[in-house]
Amino acid sequence: METAQRFDAIVIGAGAAGMMCASVAGQRGCRVLLIEHYYKLGEKIRISGGGRCNFTNLHCRPEHYLSANPDFCRSAIARYRPGDFIALIERHGIAYHEKTRGQLFCDGSATQIVAMLRRECDAGGVVWRMPCDVAHVRREGLAFLVETSDGCFAAPALVVATGGLTVPKIGATPFGYRIADQFGLNVVTPRPALVPLTFDGALQARYGSLAGISLDCEARCDKGLFLDSLLFTHRGLSGPVILQISSYWDAGEALSIDLLPHIDVMEWLLAQRDRRQRLDNLLASMWPKRFAALWCELHGCAEPLNRLSEKVLHEVAHAIKRWKVVPSGTQGYNKAEVTRGGVDTRDLSSRTMAAIRVPGLYFIGEAVDVTGHLGGFNFQWAWSSGHAAGEAIAAARTAP
């Protein structure tokens, strides 16, 4: 312990949440050490949003998040809002735009966000160790001792901002979960979220030729309902509506997909019934032509409407409004946007992000069992949870 360099706080993980936390605590007078094991800074930020980083959403609300403890995110999000982060990027001169539905992206590159967070950390005097591997963490008295490839460090506050299991090729590991387990915190079983779904061999053979085709639809499972675009892939289904529903979907569960969500399909078909137009050609006015042709072929109804009985039209309308598919699984962490699950929020303070039974230990960002919808909500959780922990660490340092 005598040989350890001392700090007020040690943050493990220099991603979105970790850099936010370190900069906030540093700029409030704390001596902060930020440790990152990967050789590239903010790589997940850099590759996000097609390289432009969907850094927040104007419509961020608690109902946009999943957790075993749904109310947990309310406090942090209420105290550090999208407008607060927008003010930060404007102060740094970063131009941005709203793409759709409140989703904000950089006009330029996502690397602008990484550089901004680095400057914010430097403004707080944050000390960097990168790349630097953490070998062991333990508690000694009132301090945490962190043994690394760059030496030993000690601090009364330890922040775990190591993220989830998403995209292991850029450094994701279960390190944060191991620390939680070491100190007696529960971990909600992690799984890929915001991830494409796959088909088994039969469905893949049936629909694989549609790869690249997209259409708007409504997807539903037992716990979720979303309206957005669907994309066929060589392996199954993707697109925003599938990524959204994947966070709620359980293995073996059927998806019910409304392929014409804005239309009373039976009424529409009956209105066209006297026409000699083939059903596949009629549906091609609403869907991509290849999809309309294959769908009608698979359902045995690619013939003129005036030859189809009302009973058959009812069956067609029902199949369009409730297309049932059972995905075989997901494309896993390599293709997932985020990890669902993580450190159980019932073991954390919603105001400070500190472990309730382990004073001085904090968990933030994706490491925590708070998962946002697609569209900037997960980055906002990183900013909000990181800010909450940074403020709490600074407040604890100055408390009598």
Protein backbone atom coordinates (compact mmCIF):
# COMPACT_ATOMS: atom_id res chain seq x y z
CA MET A 1 0.00 0.00 0.00
CA GLU A 2 2.93 2.35 0.73
CA THR A 3 4.16 2.10 -2.87
CA ALA A 4 0.78 2.87 -4.46
CA GLN A 5 0.22 6.24 -6.09
CA ARG A 6 -2.76 7.90 -4.44
CA PHE A 7 -5.71 9.59 -6.09
CA ASP A 8 -9.13 10.80 -5.00
CA ALA A 9 -10.77 8.53 -7.57
CA ILE A 10 -9.80 5.82 -10.02
CA VAL A 11 -11.98 5.29 -13.09
CA ILE A 12 -11.53 2.01 -14.97
CA GLY A 13 -12.71 2.35 -18.56
CA ALA A 14 -12.26 5.40 -20.80
CA GLY A 15 -15.43 5.05 -22.84
CA ALA A 16 -18.31 7.52 -22.94
CA ALA A 17 -19.36 7.10 -19.29
CA GLY A 18 -15.82 6.82 -17.92
CA MET A 19 -14.53 9.98 -19.59
CA MET A 20 -17.63 11.91 -18.54
CA CYS A 21 -17.25 10.81 -14.92
CA ALA A 22 -13.50 11.53 -14.81
CA SER A 23 -13.90 14.99 -16.34
CA VAL A 24 -16.72 15.98 -13.97
CA ALA A 25 -14.86 14.84 -10.85
CA GLY A 26 -11.58 16.33 -12.07
CA GLN A 27 -13.08 19.72 -12.84
CA ARG A 28 -14.56 19.77 -9.34
CA GLY A 29 -11.19 19.49 -7.68
CA CYS A 30 -10.60 15.74 -7.47
CA ARG A 31 -7.34 14.11 -8.49
CA VAL A 32 -8.54 11.42 -10.88
CA LEU A 33 -6.78 8.51 -12.57
CA LEU A 34 -8.40 7.14 -15.73
CA ILE A 35 -7.32 3.65 -16.79
CA GLU A 36 -8.08 2.17 -20.23
CA HIS A 37 -6.87 -1.27 -21.35
CA TYR A 38 -7.51 -0.79 -25.10
CA TYR A 39 -4.95 1.00 -27.24
CA LYS A 40 -7.52 3.20 -29.03
CA LEU A 41 -9.48 5.82 -27.10
CA GLY A 42 -13.28 5.89 -27.39
CA GLU A 43 -13.39 3.33 -30.18
CA LYS A 44 -17.06 2.48 -29.59
CA ILE A 45 -17.92 6.17 -29.86
CA ARG A 46 -15.90 6.46 -33.06
CA ILE A 47 -17.71 3.63 -34.88
CA SER A 48 -21.19 4.58 -33.66
CA GLY A 49 -23.85 6.09 -35.85
CA GLY A 50 -22.05 5.23 -39.06
CA GLY A 51 -19.06 7.23 -37.84
CA ARG A 52 -21.10 10.30 -36.89
CA CYS A 53 -22.20 9.27 -33.36
CA ASN A 54 -25.89 9.50 -32.46
CA PHE A 55 -24.87 11.17 -29.21
CA THR A 56 -28.30 11.80 -27.64
CA ASN A 57 -32.04 12.00 -28.29
CA LEU A 58 -34.16 15.10 -27.71
CA HIS A 59 -37.06 12.98 -26.48
CA CYS A 60 -35.15 11.05 -23.81
CA ARG A 61 -37.49 9.74 -21.10
CA PRO A 62 -37.33 6.87 -18.58
CA GLU A 63 -39.73 4.77 -20.67
CA HIS A 64 -37.02 4.51 -23.32
CA TYR A 65 -34.97 2.26 -21.03
CA LEU A 66 -35.16 -1.39 -19.96
CA SER A 67 -34.05 -2.63 -16.56
CA ALA A 68 -35.08 -5.13 -13.93
CA ASN A 69 -35.61 -1.96 -11.86
CA PRO A 70 -37.36 0.34 -14.41
CA ASP A 71 -37.37 3.49 -12.25
CA PHE A 72 -33.63 3.44 -11.58
CA CYS A 73 -32.63 5.65 -14.50
CA ARG A 74 -35.01 8.51 -13.62
CA SER A 75 -32.78 10.40 -11.20
CA ALA A 76 -29.60 10.53 -13.31
CA ILE A 77 -31.44 11.40 -16.53
CA ALA A 78 -33.47 14.13 -14.81
CA ARG A 79 -30.30 15.77 -13.45
CA TYR A 80 -28.21 15.59 -16.63
CA ARG A 81 -30.46 15.96 -19.65
CA PRO A 82 -29.90 15.92 -23.41
CA GLY A 83 -29.85 19.72 -23.34
CA ASP A 84 -26.91 19.66 -20.94
CA PHE A 85 -24.84 17.52 -23.29
CA ILE A 86 -25.90 19.63 -26.27
CA ALA A 87 -24.66 22.72 -24.42
CA LEU A 88 -21.33 20.96 -23.90
CA ILE A 89 -20.80 20.10 -27.57
CA GLU A 90 -21.88 23.59 -28.62
CA ARG A 91 -19.29 25.04 -26.27
CA HIS A 92 -16.72 22.96 -28.14
CA GLY A 93 -17.99 24.15 -31.51
CA ILE A 94 -19.21 20.75 -32.70
CA ALA A 95 -21.89 21.08 -35.40
CA TYR A 96 -24.78 18.61 -35.31
CA HIS A 97 -28.16 17.87 -36.83
CA GLU A 98 -31.37 16.03 -36.04
CA LYS A 99 -31.75 13.05 -38.34
CA THR A 100 -35.18 11.77 -37.30
CA ARG A 101 -37.29 11.35 -34.17
CA GLY A 102 -35.04 13.47 -31.99
CA GLN A 103 -31.83 11.60 -32.91
CA LEU A 104 -28.85 13.97 -32.92
CA PHE A 105 -25.70 13.26 -34.94
CA CYS A 106 -22.44 15.10 -35.53
CA ASP A 107 -22.29 16.87 -38.88
CA GLY A 108 -18.68 15.75 -39.07
CA SER A 109 -17.00 12.79 -37.44
CA ALA A 110 -17.68 10.96 -34.19
CA THR A 111 -14.02 11.52 -33.38
CA GLN A 112 -15.05 15.08 -32.48
CA ILE A 113 -16.92 13.69 -29.48
CA VAL A 114 -13.90 11.62 -28.42
CA ALA A 115 -11.61 14.64 -28.73
CA MET A 116 -14.06 16.80 -26.76
CA LEU A 117 -14.20 14.30 -23.90
CA ARG A 118 -10.40 14.08 -23.90
CA ARG A 119 -10.17 17.88 -23.64
CA GLU A 120 -12.72 17.89 -20.83
CA CYS A 121 -10.66 15.33 -18.93
CA ASP A 122 -7.47 17.29 -19.51
CA ALA A 123 -9.22 20.44 -18.25
CA GLY A 124 -9.84 18.56 -15.01
CA GLY A 125 -6.23 17.44 -14.72
CA VAL A 126 -7.14 13.78 -15.20
CA VAL A 127 -4.13 11.45 -15.20
CA TRP A 128 -4.17 8.84 -17.98
CA ARG A 129 -2.91 5.29 -18.09
CA MET A 130 -3.53 3.83 -21.56
CA PRO A 131 -3.13 1.14 -22.66
CA CYS A 132 -2.96 -0.30 -19.18
CA ASP A 133 -4.22 -3.66 -17.95
CA VAL A 134 -5.78 -4.06 -14.51
CA ALA A 135 -4.48 -7.23 -12.87
CA HIS A 136 -6.26 -7.07 -9.53
CA VAL A 137 -8.54 -4.89 -7.43
CA ARG A 138 -8.94 -5.15 -3.69
CA ARG A 139 -10.16 -3.12 -0.75
CA GLU A 140 -7.66 -2.12 1.95
CA GLY A 141 -9.18 -0.12 4.78
CA LEU A 142 -11.03 2.85 3.30
CA ALA A 143 -9.22 2.68 -0.04
CA PHE A 144 -9.30 0.56 -3.18
CA LEU A 145 -5.96 -0.78 -4.37
CA VAL A 146 -5.70 -1.29 -8.12
CA GLU A 147 -2.74 -3.29 -9.40
CA THR A 148 -1.99 -2.67 -13.08
CA SER A 149 0.64 -3.23 -15.75
CA ASP A 150 1.77 0.37 -15.02
CA GLY A 151 2.01 0.03 -11.25
CA CYS A 152 -0.22 0.19 -8.18
CA PHE A 153 -2.74 2.93 -7.50
CA ALA A 154 -5.01 3.67 -4.54
CA ALA A 155 -8.10 5.81 -4.02
CA PRO A 156 -11.14 5.97 -1.74
CA ALA A 157 -13.40 5.97 -4.82
CA LEU A 158 -13.35 3.36 -7.60
CA VAL A 159 -15.55 3.74 -10.68
CA VAL A 160 -16.16 0.76 -12.95
CA ALA A 161 -16.99 2.04 -16.44
CA THR A 162 -15.85 -0.98 -18.41
CA GLY A 163 -19.00 -1.38 -20.52
CA GLY A 164 -20.69 -4.63 -21.48
CA LEU A 165 -19.81 -7.49 -23.82
CA THR A 166 -20.66 -5.69 -27.07
CA VAL A 167 -18.11 -5.83 -29.92
CA PRO A 168 -15.32 -7.86 -28.26
CA LYS A 169 -12.98 -7.13 -31.18
CA ILE A 170 -12.59 -3.57 -29.89
CA GLY A 171 -11.88 -4.58 -26.32
CA ALA A 172 -15.16 -5.55 -24.64
CA THR A 173 -14.69 -7.92 -21.68
CA PRO A 174 -16.72 -9.12 -18.66
CA PHE A 175 -14.28 -7.36 -16.32
CA GLY A 176 -16.93 -5.11 -14.76
CA TYR A 177 -19.15 -8.08 -13.92
CA ARG A 178 -16.23 -9.83 -12.24
CA ILE A 179 -15.60 -6.77 -10.05
CA ALA A 180 -19.29 -6.66 -9.13
CA ASP A 181 -19.22 -10.33 -8.20
CA GLN A 182 -16.01 -9.85 -6.20
CA PHE A 183 -17.68 -7.24 -4.02
CA GLY A 184 -20.96 -9.11 -3.63
CA LEU A 185 -23.17 -7.25 -6.11
CA ASN A 186 -25.66 -9.17 -8.23
CA VAL A 187 -25.42 -9.19 -12.02
CA VAL A 188 -28.49 -9.51 -14.23
CA THR A 189 -27.57 -12.07 -16.90
CA PRO A 190 -26.08 -10.18 -19.88
CA ARG A 191 -27.26 -10.76 -23.45
CA PRO A 192 -26.95 -9.00 -26.81
CA ALA A 193 -29.45 -6.20 -27.40
CA LEU A 194 -30.26 -3.95 -30.36
CA VAL A 195 -29.06 -6.83 -32.48
CA PRO A 196 -30.12 -8.47 -35.78
CA LEU A 197 -32.12 -11.70 -35.50
CA THR A 198 -31.31 -14.88 -37.39
CA PHE A 199 -33.38 -17.53 -39.17
CA ASP A 200 -32.86 -21.28 -39.09
CA GLY A 201 -32.02 -23.15 -42.29
CA ALA A 202 -35.59 -23.45 -43.57
CA LEU A 203 -36.53 -19.80 -43.06
CA GLN A 204 -33.14 -18.66 -44.31
CA ALA A 205 -33.63 -20.65 -47.50
CA ARG A 206 -37.14 -19.24 -47.88
CA TYR A 207 -36.31 -15.56 -47.35
CA GLY A 208 -32.55 -15.30 -47.94
CA SER A 209 -33.07 -14.15 -51.54
CA LEU A 210 -34.69 -10.96 -50.16
CA ALA A 211 -31.41 -9.73 -48.60
CA GLY A 212 -31.19 -5.96 -48.93
CA ILE A 213 -34.95 -5.40 -49.20
CA SER A 214 -36.50 -3.02 -46.67
CA LEU A 215 -40.09 -2.12 -45.77
CA ASP A 216 -41.92 -0.34 -42.98
CA CYS A 217 -43.76 -2.57 -40.53
CA GLU A 218 -44.83 -3.01 -36.93
CA ALA A 219 -43.11 -5.77 -34.95
CA ARG A 220 -44.55 -7.19 -31.75
CA CYS A 221 -43.51 -9.75 -29.16
CA ASP A 222 -44.83 -10.46 -25.69
CA LYS A 223 -43.04 -7.50 -24.06
CA GLY A 224 -42.46 -5.03 -26.89
CA LEU A 225 -44.06 -3.23 -29.83
CA PHE A 226 -42.23 -1.02 -32.36
CA LEU A 227 -43.02 0.65 -35.69
CA ASP A 228 -40.11 1.26 -38.05
CA SER A 229 -38.32 -0.21 -41.06
CA LEU A 230 -37.38 -3.88 -41.40
CA LEU A 231 -34.41 -5.10 -43.43
CA PHE A 232 -33.98 -8.63 -44.80
CA THR A 233 -30.45 -10.00 -44.54
CA HIS A 234 -28.76 -13.18 -45.73
CA ARG A 235 -29.02 -14.49 -42.18
CA GLY A 236 -32.44 -13.22 -41.10
CA LEU A 237 -33.90 -9.85 -40.16
CA SER A 238 -32.43 -6.49 -39.20
CA GLY A 239 -33.33 -2.82 -39.54
CA PRO A 240 -34.44 -0.43 -36.77
CA VAL A 241 -37.69 -2.23 -35.93
CA ILE A 242 -35.88 -5.56 -35.45
CA LEU A 243 -33.02 -4.04 -33.47
CA GLN A 244 -35.60 -2.43 -31.16
CA ILE A 245 -37.69 -5.56 -30.67
CA SER A 246 -34.58 -7.71 -30.13
CA SER A 247 -34.06 -6.13 -26.71
CA TYR A 248 -37.46 -7.49 -25.65
CA TRP A 249 -37.47 -10.77 -27.57
CA ASP A 250 -36.84 -14.07 -25.76
CA ALA A 251 -35.35 -17.13 -27.46
CA GLY A 252 -38.03 -19.36 -28.99
CA GLU A 253 -40.65 -16.60 -29.02
CA ALA A 254 -42.60 -15.80 -32.18
CA LEU A 255 -42.61 -12.30 -33.61
CA SER A 256 -45.88 -10.98 -35.00
CA ILE A 257 -45.19 -8.53 -37.83
CA ASP A 258 -47.78 -6.22 -39.36
CA LEU A 259 -46.60 -5.74 -42.93
CA LEU A 260 -49.07 -2.93 -43.69
CA PRO A 261 -49.42 -1.18 -40.32
CA HIS A 262 -51.29 1.91 -41.49
CA ILE A 263 -53.99 0.14 -43.49
CA ASP A 264 -57.20 -1.81 -42.84
CA VAL A 265 -56.04 -4.50 -45.24
CA MET A 266 -59.37 -6.33 -45.54
CA GLU A 267 -61.21 -3.15 -46.41
CA TRP A 268 -58.51 -2.24 -48.93
CA LEU A 269 -58.62 -5.68 -50.59
CA LEU A 270 -62.40 -5.69 -50.81
CA ALA A 271 -62.29 -2.27 -52.48
CA GLN A 272 -60.01 -3.76 -55.18
CA ARG A 273 -61.89 -7.05 -55.49
CA ASP A 274 -63.57 -6.45 -58.85
CA ARG A 275 -60.27 -5.69 -60.53
CA ARG A 276 -58.48 -8.25 -62.68
CA GLN A 277 -55.13 -7.16 -61.25
CA ARG A 278 -53.05 -9.94 -59.72
CA LEU A 279 -52.63 -9.78 -55.97
CA ASP A 280 -48.83 -9.79 -56.19
CA ASN A 281 -48.92 -6.77 -58.51
CA LEU A 282 -51.34 -4.96 -56.21
CA LEU A 283 -49.12 -5.61 -53.19
CA ALA A 284 -46.11 -4.44 -55.20
CA SER A 285 -47.69 -0.98 -55.06
CA MET A 286 -47.19 -1.12 -51.27
CA TRP A 287 -44.09 -3.32 -50.91
CA PRO A 288 -40.86 -3.89 -52.84
CA LYS A 289 -41.74 -5.95 -55.91
CA ARG A 290 -39.52 -8.94 -55.05
CA PHE A 291 -41.02 -9.22 -51.59
CA ALA A 292 -44.59 -9.00 -52.93
CA ALA A 293 -43.91 -11.73 -55.50
CA LEU A 294 -42.26 -14.09 -53.00
CA TRP A 295 -44.86 -13.48 -50.29
CA CYS A 296 -47.73 -14.29 -52.64
CA GLU A 297 -45.88 -17.32 -53.99
CA LEU A 298 -45.31 -18.68 -50.47
CA HIS A 299 -48.96 -18.06 -49.55
CA GLY A 300 -50.33 -19.52 -52.79
CA CYS A 301 -52.32 -16.43 -53.78
CA ALA A 302 -50.53 -14.86 -56.75
CA GLU A 303 -53.61 -14.61 -58.95
CA PRO A 304 -56.19 -11.95 -59.94
CA LEU A 305 -58.22 -10.53 -57.08
CA ASN A 306 -61.55 -11.25 -58.79
CA ARG A 307 -60.76 -14.96 -58.58
CA LEU A 308 -60.16 -14.90 -54.82
CA SER A 309 -63.09 -15.64 -52.53
CA GLU A 310 -63.88 -13.39 -49.59
CA LYS A 311 -62.70 -16.21 -47.30
CA VAL A 312 -59.32 -16.27 -49.04
CA LEU A 313 -59.09 -12.46 -48.85
CA HIS A 314 -59.71 -12.66 -45.10
CA GLU A 315 -56.88 -15.19 -44.81
CA VAL A 316 -54.61 -12.96 -46.88
CA ALA A 317 -55.44 -9.90 -44.78
CA HIS A 318 -54.81 -11.85 -41.56
CA ALA A 319 -51.46 -13.13 -42.84
CA ILE A 320 -50.38 -9.61 -43.82
CA LYS A 321 -51.36 -8.11 -40.47
CA ARG A 322 -49.93 -11.00 -38.43
CA TRP A 323 -46.94 -12.47 -40.22
CA LYS A 324 -45.54 -14.93 -37.67
CA VAL A 325 -41.85 -15.78 -37.64
CA VAL A 326 -39.76 -17.51 -34.98
CA PRO A 327 -36.13 -16.34 -35.15
CA SER A 328 -33.52 -18.96 -34.31
CA GLY A 329 -31.39 -16.50 -32.35
CA THR A 330 -29.37 -13.29 -32.66
CA GLN A 331 -26.15 -12.38 -34.45
CA GLY A 332 -24.49 -12.03 -31.05
CA TYR A 333 -22.28 -9.48 -29.37
CA ASN A 334 -20.20 -8.76 -32.48
CA LYS A 335 -23.24 -7.25 -34.19
CA ALA A 336 -25.10 -5.93 -31.13
CA GLU A 337 -25.29 -2.21 -30.40
CA VAL A 338 -25.39 -2.74 -26.62
CA THR A 339 -25.49 -5.34 -23.86
CA ARG A 340 -28.73 -5.86 -21.99
CA GLY A 341 -28.36 -6.79 -18.31
CA GLY A 342 -25.38 -6.02 -16.12
CA VAL A 343 -24.82 -4.89 -12.55
CA ASP A 344 -28.15 -5.09 -10.72
CA THR A 345 -29.46 -1.58 -10.12
CA ARG A 346 -31.11 -2.73 -6.91
CA ASP A 347 -27.58 -2.87 -5.47
CA LEU A 348 -26.82 0.74 -6.52
CA SER A 349 -27.91 4.22 -5.49
CA SER A 350 -29.91 5.80 -8.31
CA ARG A 351 -28.64 9.25 -7.31
CA THR A 352 -24.90 8.54 -7.05
CA MET A 353 -24.43 5.21 -8.89
CA ALA A 354 -22.56 3.96 -5.80
CA ALA A 355 -22.84 0.42 -4.48
CA ILE A 356 -25.16 0.53 -1.49
CA ARG A 357 -23.17 -1.99 0.57
CA VAL A 358 -19.65 -1.06 -0.62
CA PRO A 359 -18.84 2.61 0.11
CA GLY A 360 -16.78 4.25 -2.59
CA LEU A 361 -17.51 1.71 -5.34
CA TYR A 362 -19.42 3.01 -8.39
CA PHE A 363 -20.76 1.41 -11.57
CA ILE A 364 -21.81 3.49 -14.58
CA GLY A 365 -22.76 3.25 -18.25
CA GLU A 366 -23.29 -0.01 -20.09
CA ALA A 367 -21.89 -2.05 -17.21
CA VAL A 368 -25.17 -1.36 -15.39
CA ASP A 369 -28.52 -3.07 -16.03
CA VAL A 370 -29.97 -0.08 -17.90
CA THR A 371 -30.44 -0.51 -21.66
CA GLY A 372 -31.80 2.21 -23.91
CA HIS A 373 -33.78 2.03 -27.10
CA LEU A 374 -32.13 2.66 -30.44
CA GLY A 375 -31.59 6.33 -31.27
CA GLY A 376 -29.08 7.96 -28.91
CA PHE A 377 -30.61 6.84 -25.62
CA ASN A 378 -27.66 4.65 -24.59
CA PHE A 379 -25.17 7.47 -25.04
CA GLN A 380 -27.42 9.71 -22.97
CA TRP A 381 -27.37 7.10 -20.21
CA ALA A 382 -23.56 7.09 -20.38
CA TRP A 383 -23.45 10.89 -20.01
CA SER A 384 -26.09 10.98 -17.25
CA SER A 385 -24.74 8.10 -15.16
CA GLY A 386 -21.14 9.28 -15.56
CA HIS A 387 -22.09 12.82 -14.55
CA ALA A 388 -24.01 11.55 -11.50
CA ALA A 389 -21.03 9.52 -10.27
CA GLY A 390 -18.55 12.35 -10.95
CA GLU A 391 -20.64 14.80 -8.94
CA ALA A 392 -21.06 12.31 -6.09
CA ILE A 393 -17.31 11.64 -5.89
CA ALA A 394 -16.54 15.37 -5.75
CA ALA A 395 -19.23 15.92 -3.11
CA ALA A 396 -17.86 13.06 -0.97
CA ARG A 397 -14.34 14.50 -1.16
CA THR A 398 -15.44 17.89 0.18
CA ALA A 399 -17.88 16.55 2.78
CA PRO A 400 -16.90 17.19 6.41
